[in-house]
PDB file of N, CA and C in Angstrom:
ATOM      1  N   UNK A   1       3.296 -23.172 -23.246  1.00  0.00           N
ATOM      2  CA  UNK A   1       4.351 -22.311 -22.154  1.00  0.00           C
ATOM      3  C   UNK A   1       5.424 -23.376 -21.639  1.00  0.00           C
ATOM      4  N   UNK A   2       6.553 -22.690 -21.809  1.00  0.00           N
ATOM      5  CA  UNK A   2       7.590 -23.605 -21.190  1.00  0.00           C
ATOM      6  C   UNK A   2       7.927 -23.101 -19.685  1.00  0.00           C
ATOM      7  N   UNK A   3       8.768 -23.714 -18.964  1.00  0.00           N
ATOM      8  CA  UNK A   3       8.859 -24.129 -17.610  1.00  0.00           C
ATOM      9  C   UNK A   3       9.214 -22.568 -17.348  1.00  0.00           C
ATOM     10  N   UNK A   4       9.870 -21.884 -17.805  1.00  0.00           N
ATOM     11  CA  UNK A   4      10.565 -20.603 -17.544  1.00  0.00           C
ATOM     12  C   UNK A   4       9.343 -19.666 -17.421  1.00  0.00           C
ATOM     13  N   UNK A   5       8.467 -19.485 -18.469  1.00  0.00           N
ATOM     14  CA  UNK A   5       7.406 -18.721 -18.336  1.00  0.00           C
ATOM     15  C   UNK A   5       6.388 -19.260 -17.111  1.00  0.00           C
ATOM     16  N   UNK A   6       6.029 -20.058 -17.185  1.00  0.00           N
ATOM     17  CA  UNK A   6       5.482 -20.643 -16.253  1.00  0.00           C
ATOM     18  C   UNK A   6       5.678 -20.184 -14.886  1.00  0.00           C
ATOM     19  N   UNK A   7       7.205 -20.347 -14.544  1.00  0.00           N
ATOM     20  CA  UNK A   7       7.728 -19.845 -13.091  1.00  0.00           C
ATOM     21  C   UNK A   7       7.275 -18.557 -12.915  1.00  0.00           C
ATOM     22  N   UNK A   8       7.920 -17.739 -14.041  1.00  0.00           N
ATOM     23  CA  UNK A   8       7.768 -16.407 -14.035  1.00  0.00           C
ATOM     24  C   UNK A   8       5.959 -15.663 -13.757  1.00  0.00           C
ATOM     25  N   UNK A   9       5.475 -16.424 -14.503  1.00  0.00           N
ATOM     26  CA  UNK A   9       3.957 -15.879 -14.298  1.00  0.00           C
ATOM     27  C   UNK A   9       3.449 -16.274 -12.558  1.00  0.00           C
ATOM     28  N   UNK A  10       3.792 -17.476 -12.017  1.00  0.00           N
ATOM     29  CA  UNK A  10       3.582 -17.702 -10.796  1.00  0.00           C
ATOM     30  C   UNK A  10       4.427 -16.826  -9.628  1.00  0.00           C
ATOM     31  N   UNK A  11       5.640 -16.602 -10.102  1.00  0.00           N
ATOM     32  CA  UNK A  11       6.025 -15.243  -9.192  1.00  0.00           C
ATOM     33  C   UNK A  11       5.450 -13.974  -9.291  1.00  0.00           C
ATOM     34  N   UNK A  12       4.701 -13.500 -10.500  1.00  0.00           N
ATOM     35  CA  UNK A  12       4.190 -12.408 -10.482  1.00  0.00           C
ATOM     36  C   UNK A  12       2.812 -12.256  -9.974  1.00  0.00           C
ATOM     37  N   UNK A  13       2.152 -13.290 -10.059  1.00  0.00           N
ATOM     38  CA  UNK A  13       0.742 -13.554  -9.351  1.00  0.00           C
ATOM     39  C   UNK A  13       0.975 -13.755  -7.802  1.00  0.00           C
ATOM     40  N   UNK A  14       2.282 -14.286  -7.406  1.00  0.00           N
ATOM     41  CA  UNK A  14       2.758 -14.558  -5.926  1.00  0.00           C
ATOM     42  C   UNK A  14       2.927 -13.189  -5.411  1.00  0.00           C
ATOM     43  N   UNK A  15       3.756 -11.897  -6.547  1.00  0.00           N
ATOM     44  CA  UNK A  15       3.761 -10.840  -5.755  1.00  0.00           C
ATOM     45  C   UNK A  15       2.750 -10.000  -5.694  1.00  0.00           C
ATOM     46  N   UNK A  16       1.639 -10.272  -6.475  1.00  0.00           N
ATOM     47  CA  UNK A  16       0.502  -9.650  -6.465  1.00  0.00           C
ATOM     48  C   UNK A  16      -0.419  -9.707  -5.261  1.00  0.00           C
ATOM     49  N   UNK A  17      -0.473 -11.266  -5.027  1.00  0.00           N
ATOM     50  CA  UNK A  17      -1.046 -11.351  -3.793  1.00  0.00           C
ATOM     51  C   UNK A  17      -0.731 -11.007  -2.640  1.00  0.00           C
ATOM     52  N   UNK A  18       0.739 -10.875  -2.441  1.00  0.00           N
ATOM     53  CA  UNK A  18       1.467 -10.732  -1.109  1.00  0.00           C
ATOM     54  C   UNK A  18       1.303  -8.911  -1.157  1.00  0.00           C
ATOM     55  N   UNK A  19       1.471  -8.370  -2.167  1.00  0.00           N
ATOM     56  CA  UNK A  19       0.831  -6.540  -2.067  1.00  0.00           C
ATOM     57  C   UNK A  19      -0.677  -6.671  -1.336  1.00  0.00           C
ATOM     58  N   UNK A  20      -1.733  -7.441  -2.154  1.00  0.00           N
ATOM     59  CA  UNK A  20      -3.074  -7.081  -1.547  1.00  0.00           C
ATOM     60  C   UNK A  20      -3.321  -7.735   0.052  1.00  0.00           C
ATOM     61  N   UNK A  21      -2.575  -8.757   0.209  1.00  0.00           N
ATOM     62  CA  UNK A  21      -2.677  -9.343   1.680  1.00  0.00           C
ATOM     63  C   UNK A  21      -2.126  -8.584   2.749  1.00  0.00           C
ATOM     64  N   UNK A  22      -3.014  -8.687   4.015  1.00  0.00           N
ATOM     65  CA  UNK A  22      -2.719  -7.786   5.093  1.00  0.00           C
ATOM     66  C   UNK A  22      -3.085  -8.781   6.511  1.00  0.00           C
ATOM     67  N   UNK A  23      -2.026  -8.154   7.452  1.00  0.00           N
ATOM     68  CA  UNK A  23      -2.045  -9.096   8.592  1.00  0.00           C
ATOM     69  C   UNK A  23      -3.279  -8.623   9.063  1.00  0.00           C
ATOM     70  N   UNK A  24      -4.017  -9.863   9.649  1.00  0.00           N
ATOM     71  CA  UNK A  24      -5.218  -9.626  10.400  1.00  0.00           C
ATOM     72  C   UNK A  24      -5.132  -8.684  11.714  1.00  0.00           C
ATOM     73  N   UNK A  25      -6.122  -7.990  12.192  1.00  0.00           N
ATOM     74  CA  UNK A  25      -5.772  -7.288  13.509  1.00  0.00           C
ATOM     75  C   UNK A  25      -6.115  -8.326  14.381  1.00  0.00           C
ATOM     76  N   UNK A  26      -6.042  -7.959  15.776  1.00  0.00           N
ATOM     77  CA  UNK A  26      -6.217  -8.573  16.851  1.00  0.00           C
ATOM     78  C   UNK A  26      -7.813  -9.408  17.046  1.00  0.00           C
ATOM     79  N   UNK A  27      -8.807  -8.561  16.789  1.00  0.00           N
ATOM     80  CA  UNK A  27      -9.935  -9.044  16.911  1.00  0.00           C
ATOM     81  C   UNK A  27     -10.291  -9.879  15.771  1.00  0.00           C
ATOM     82  N   UNK A  28      -9.963  -9.715  14.481  1.00  0.00           N
ATOM     83  CA  UNK A  28     -10.022 -10.463  13.460  1.00  0.00           C
ATOM     84  C   UNK A  28      -9.352 -11.803  13.635  1.00  0.00           C
ATOM     85  N   UNK A  29      -8.192 -11.942  14.304  1.00  0.00           N
ATOM     86  CA  UNK A  29      -7.456 -13.088  14.652  1.00  0.00           C
ATOM     87  C   UNK A  29      -8.382 -14.168  15.651  1.00  0.00           C
ATOM     88  N   UNK A  30      -8.781 -13.469  16.469  1.00  0.00           N
ATOM     89  CA  UNK A  30      -9.440 -14.313  17.386  1.00  0.00           C
ATOM     90  C   UNK A  30     -10.653 -14.594  17.027  1.00  0.00           C
ATOM     91  N   UNK A  31     -11.628 -14.032  15.910  1.00  0.00           N
ATOM     92  CA  UNK A  31     -12.760 -14.587  15.338  1.00  0.00           C
ATOM     93  C   UNK A  31     -12.117 -15.706  14.686  1.00  0.00           C
ATOM     94  N   UNK A  32     -11.202 -15.689  13.759  1.00  0.00           N
ATOM     95  CA  UNK A  32     -10.679 -17.078  13.069  1.00  0.00           C
ATOM     96  C   UNK A  32     -10.406 -18.122  14.008  1.00  0.00           C
ATOM     97  N   UNK A  33      -9.508 -17.695  15.219  1.00  0.00           N
ATOM     98  CA  UNK A  33      -9.453 -18.830  16.056  1.00  0.00           C
ATOM     99  C   UNK A  33     -10.596 -19.449  16.666  1.00  0.00           C
ATOM    100  N   UNK A  34     -11.817 -18.750  17.113  1.00  0.00           N
ATOM    101  CA  UNK A  34     -12.967 -19.113  17.650  1.00  0.00           C
ATOM    102  C   UNK A  34     -13.590 -20.075  16.568  1.00  0.00           C
ATOM    103  N   UNK A  35     -13.657 -19.906  15.222  1.00  0.00           N
ATOM    104  CA  UNK A  35     -14.509 -20.477  14.312  1.00  0.00           C
ATOM    105  C   UNK A  35     -13.723 -21.739  14.097  1.00  0.00           C
ATOM    106  N   UNK A  36     -12.220 -21.746  13.767  1.00  0.00           N
ATOM    107  CA  UNK A  36     -11.369 -23.083  13.832  1.00  0.00           C
ATOM    108  C   UNK A  36     -11.382 -23.695  15.071  1.00  0.00           C
ATOM    109  N   UNK A  37     -11.657 -23.301  16.097  1.00  0.00           N
ATOM    110  CA  UNK A  37     -11.762 -24.098  17.281  1.00  0.00           C
ATOM    111  C   UNK A  37     -13.268 -24.938  17.466  1.00  0.00           C
ATOM    112  N   UNK A  38     -14.273 -24.078  17.121  1.00  0.00           N
ATOM    113  CA  UNK A  38     -15.432 -24.885  16.976  1.00  0.00           C
ATOM    114  C   UNK A  38     -15.801 -25.647  16.197  1.00  0.00           C
ATOM    115  N   UNK A  39     -15.015 -25.566  14.976  1.00  0.00           N
ATOM    116  CA  UNK A  39     -15.041 -26.439  13.778  1.00  0.00           C
ATOM    117  C   UNK A  39     -14.207 -27.751  14.306  1.00  0.00           C
ATOM    118  N   UNK A  40     -13.193 -27.581  14.929  1.00  0.00           N
ATOM    119  CA  UNK A  40     -12.267 -28.869  15.685  1.00  0.00           C
ATOM    120  C   UNK A  40     -12.891 -29.441  16.651  1.00  0.00           C
ATOM    121  N   UNK A  41     -13.817 -28.988  17.448  1.00  0.00           N
ATOM    122  CA  UNK A  41     -14.785 -29.590  18.522  1.00  0.00           C
ATOM    123  C   UNK A  41     -15.864 -30.269  17.996  1.00  0.00           C
ATOM    124  N   UNK A  42     -16.653 -29.722  16.690  1.00  0.00           N
ATOM    125  CA  UNK A  42     -17.641 -30.619  16.176  1.00  0.00           C
ATOM    126  C   UNK A  42     -17.024 -31.608  15.538  1.00  0.00           C
ATOM    127  N   UNK A  43     -15.911 -31.410  14.761  1.00  0.00           N
ATOM    128  CA  UNK A  43     -15.341 -32.864  14.112  1.00  0.00           C
ATOM    129  C   UNK A  43     -15.036 -33.883  15.077  1.00  0.00           C
ATOM    130  N   UNK A  44     -14.380 -33.406  16.385  1.00  0.00           N
ATOM    131  CA  UNK A  44     -14.172 -34.544  17.361  1.00  0.00           C
ATOM    132  C   UNK A  44     -15.409 -35.157  18.007  1.00  0.00           C
ATOM    133  N   UNK A  45     -16.297 -34.023  18.317  1.00  0.00           N
ATOM    134  CA  UNK A  45     -17.791 -34.876  18.978  1.00  0.00           C
ATOM    135  C   UNK A  45     -18.420 -35.900  18.223  1.00  0.00           C
ATOM    136  N   UNK A  46     -18.353 -35.874  16.520  1.00  0.00           N
ATOM    137  CA  UNK A  46     -18.749 -36.478  15.488  1.00  0.00           C
ATOM    138  C   UNK A  46     -18.060 -37.893  15.423  1.00  0.00           C
ATOM    139  N   UNK A  47     -16.674 -37.791  15.497  1.00  0.00           N
ATOM    140  CA  UNK A  47     -15.824 -38.820  15.564  1.00  0.00           C
ATOM    141  C   UNK A  47     -16.080 -39.824  16.858  1.00  0.00           C
ATOM    142  N   UNK A  48     -16.250 -39.147  18.106  1.00  0.00           N
ATOM    143  CA  UNK A  48     -16.520 -39.497  19.446  1.00  0.00           C
ATOM    144  C   UNK A  48     -17.726 -40.252  19.088  1.00  0.00           C
ATOM    145  N   UNK A  49     -18.951 -39.732  18.644  1.00  0.00           N
ATOM    146  CA  UNK A  49     -20.389 -40.460  18.694  1.00  0.00           C
ATOM    147  C   UNK A  49     -19.912 -41.407  18.013  1.00  0.00           C
ATOM    148  N   UNK A  50     -19.475 -41.672  16.770  1.00  0.00           N
ATOM    149  CA  UNK A  50     -19.554 -42.574  15.787  1.00  0.00           C
ATOM    150  C   UNK A  50     -18.766 -43.736  16.383  1.00  0.00           C
ATOM    151  N   UNK A  51     -17.690 -43.434  17.038  1.00  0.00           N
ATOM    152  CA  UNK A  51     -16.937 -44.680  18.017  1.00  0.00           C
ATOM    153  C   UNK A  51     -17.896 -45.318  18.887  1.00  0.00           C
ATOM    154  N   UNK A  52     -18.353 -44.396  19.948  1.00  0.00           N
ATOM    155  CA  UNK A  52     -19.097 -44.733  20.619  1.00  0.00           C
ATOM    156  C   UNK A  52     -20.589 -45.886  20.080  1.00  0.00           C
ATOM    157  N   UNK A  53     -21.054 -45.215  19.290  1.00  0.00           N
ATOM    158  CA  UNK A  53     -21.988 -46.430  18.327  1.00  0.00           C
ATOM    159  C   UNK A  53     -21.533 -47.344  18.005  1.00  0.00           C
ATOM    160  N   UNK A  54     -20.595 -47.333  17.335  1.00  0.00           N
ATOM    161  CA  UNK A  54     -19.536 -48.670  16.771  1.00  0.00           C
ATOM    162  C   UNK A  54     -19.410 -49.491  17.800  1.00  0.00           C
ATOM    163  N   UNK A  55     -19.035 -49.261  19.003  1.00  0.00           N
ATOM    164  CA  UNK A  55     -18.957 -49.901  20.284  1.00  0.00           C
ATOM    165  C   UNK A  55     -19.925 -50.575  20.726  1.00  0.00           C
ATOM    166  N   UNK A  56     -20.920 -49.746  20.923  1.00  0.00           N
ATOM    167  CA  UNK A  56     -22.327 -50.142  21.299  1.00  0.00           C
ATOM    168  C   UNK A  56     -22.855 -51.166  20.672  1.00  0.00           C
ATOM    169  N   UNK A  57     -22.822 -51.296  19.203  1.00  0.00           N
ATOM    170  CA  UNK A  57     -23.299 -51.921  18.313  1.00  0.00           C
ATOM    171  C   UNK A  57     -22.245 -53.306  18.173  1.00  0.00           C
ATOM    172  N   UNK A  58     -21.163 -53.054  18.692  1.00  0.00           N
ATOM    173  CA  UNK A  58     -20.176 -54.473  18.782  1.00  0.00           C
ATOM    174  C   UNK A  58     -19.627 -54.270  17.418  1.00  0.00           C
ATOM    175  N   UNK A  59     -19.268 -53.290  16.659  1.00  0.00           N
ATOM    176  CA  UNK A  59     -18.837 -53.251  15.254  1.00  0.00           C
ATOM    177  C   UNK A  59     -17.157 -53.343  15.349  1.00  0.00           C
TER     178      UNK A  59
END
C-alpha cells in the first residue's frame, strides 16, 4: 500500500466512525464523569499512601 491508499482508507474508516458515533445524553455524560472522578481519586489515594509509606520508612 502506498501513502495515498493508506490515507484514503483512513479517511473512509474515520467517516464510518463519525456516522455511527452519537453525542451522549445528560445521564450518560454524568455517569462517565462519576467513573472518571472515582478513578482519579483512587489513583490519588494510592499515590498519597505510597508517598506516606516512603516518608515513614525514610526512603
